[in-house]
Amino acid sequence: MPEATRVELHPHSAARLIERGASVDEVIQTVRTGEQFPAKHNRTGFRLNFAYNKPWNNRTYAMK
């Protein structure tokens, strides 16, 4: 996906960022550079791992 691609977050997705431990910048980077995969309801999913090495939700994670 080209760097200039506009990324818009659905209001529901934006509201869930905090509970999922993600930032808007991470979501945009994932959409632009992450792996694409087929998702439910004829949608496209994206994934990308980020180094984390911090506690979140009472557990320490190396990656997110």
Protein backbone atom coordinates (compact mmCIF):
# COMPACT_ATOMS: atom_id res chain seq x y z
CA MET A 1 0.00 0.00 0.00
CA PRO A 2 1.58 3.35 -0.98
CA GLU A 3 2.74 5.73 1.75
CA ALA A 4 0.32 8.43 0.57
CA THR A 5 -2.70 6.18 1.16
CA ARG A 6 -5.19 7.89 3.44
CA VAL A 7 -6.08 5.86 6.54
CA GLU A 8 -9.39 6.61 8.28
CA LEU A 9 -10.45 4.95 11.51
CA HIS A 10 -14.06 3.99 12.03
CA PRO A 11 -15.33 5.59 15.29
CA HIS A 12 -15.76 2.13 16.84
CA SER A 13 -12.15 1.22 15.98
CA ALA A 14 -10.83 4.49 17.36
CA ALA A 15 -12.72 3.93 20.61
CA ARG A 16 -11.16 0.49 21.03
CA LEU A 17 -7.53 1.63 20.63
CA ILE A 18 -7.02 2.21 24.36
CA GLU A 19 -8.48 -1.12 25.45
CA ARG A 20 -6.30 -2.88 22.85
CA GLY A 21 -3.13 -1.02 23.87
CA ALA A 22 -2.56 0.52 20.44
CA SER A 23 -1.91 4.05 19.20
CA VAL A 24 -3.27 5.75 16.09
CA ASP A 25 0.28 5.92 14.68
CA GLU A 26 0.71 2.15 15.14
CA VAL A 27 -2.57 1.46 13.35
CA ILE A 28 -1.60 3.69 10.44
CA GLN A 29 1.85 2.06 10.19
CA THR A 30 0.23 -1.39 10.28
CA VAL A 31 -2.19 -0.54 7.46
CA ARG A 32 0.56 1.00 5.35
CA THR A 33 3.33 -1.57 5.89
CA GLY A 34 1.90 -4.62 7.66
CA GLU A 35 0.89 -8.00 6.35
CA GLN A 36 -2.56 -8.14 4.73
CA PHE A 37 -4.86 -11.13 5.19
CA PRO A 38 -8.49 -11.98 4.36
CA ALA A 39 -10.86 -11.26 7.26
CA LYS A 40 -14.51 -11.98 7.98
CA HIS A 41 -17.32 -10.33 6.03
CA ASN A 42 -15.21 -9.89 2.87
CA ARG A 43 -12.83 -7.47 4.62
CA THR A 44 -9.04 -7.16 4.71
CA GLY A 45 -7.12 -7.49 7.97
CA PHE A 46 -3.66 -6.11 8.67
CA ARG A 47 -1.02 -7.22 11.17
CA LEU A 48 2.38 -5.96 12.26
CA ASN A 49 4.37 -6.69 15.42
CA PHE A 50 5.87 -3.89 17.52
CA ALA A 51 8.57 -4.34 20.17
CA TYR A 52 6.99 -3.47 23.52
CA ASN A 53 8.76 -4.99 26.58
CA LYS A 54 6.37 -3.32 29.03
CA PRO A 55 3.53 -4.33 31.32
CA TRP A 56 -0.02 -3.96 30.09
CA ASN A 57 -3.13 -5.25 31.81
CA ASN A 58 -1.07 -6.75 34.69
CA ARG A 59 1.16 -8.76 32.34
CA THR A 60 4.49 -7.97 30.62
CA TYR A 61 4.63 -8.33 26.84
CA ALA A 62 7.73 -8.40 24.61
CA MET A 63 5.69 -7.66 21.48
CA LYS A 64 2.38 -6.11 20.63
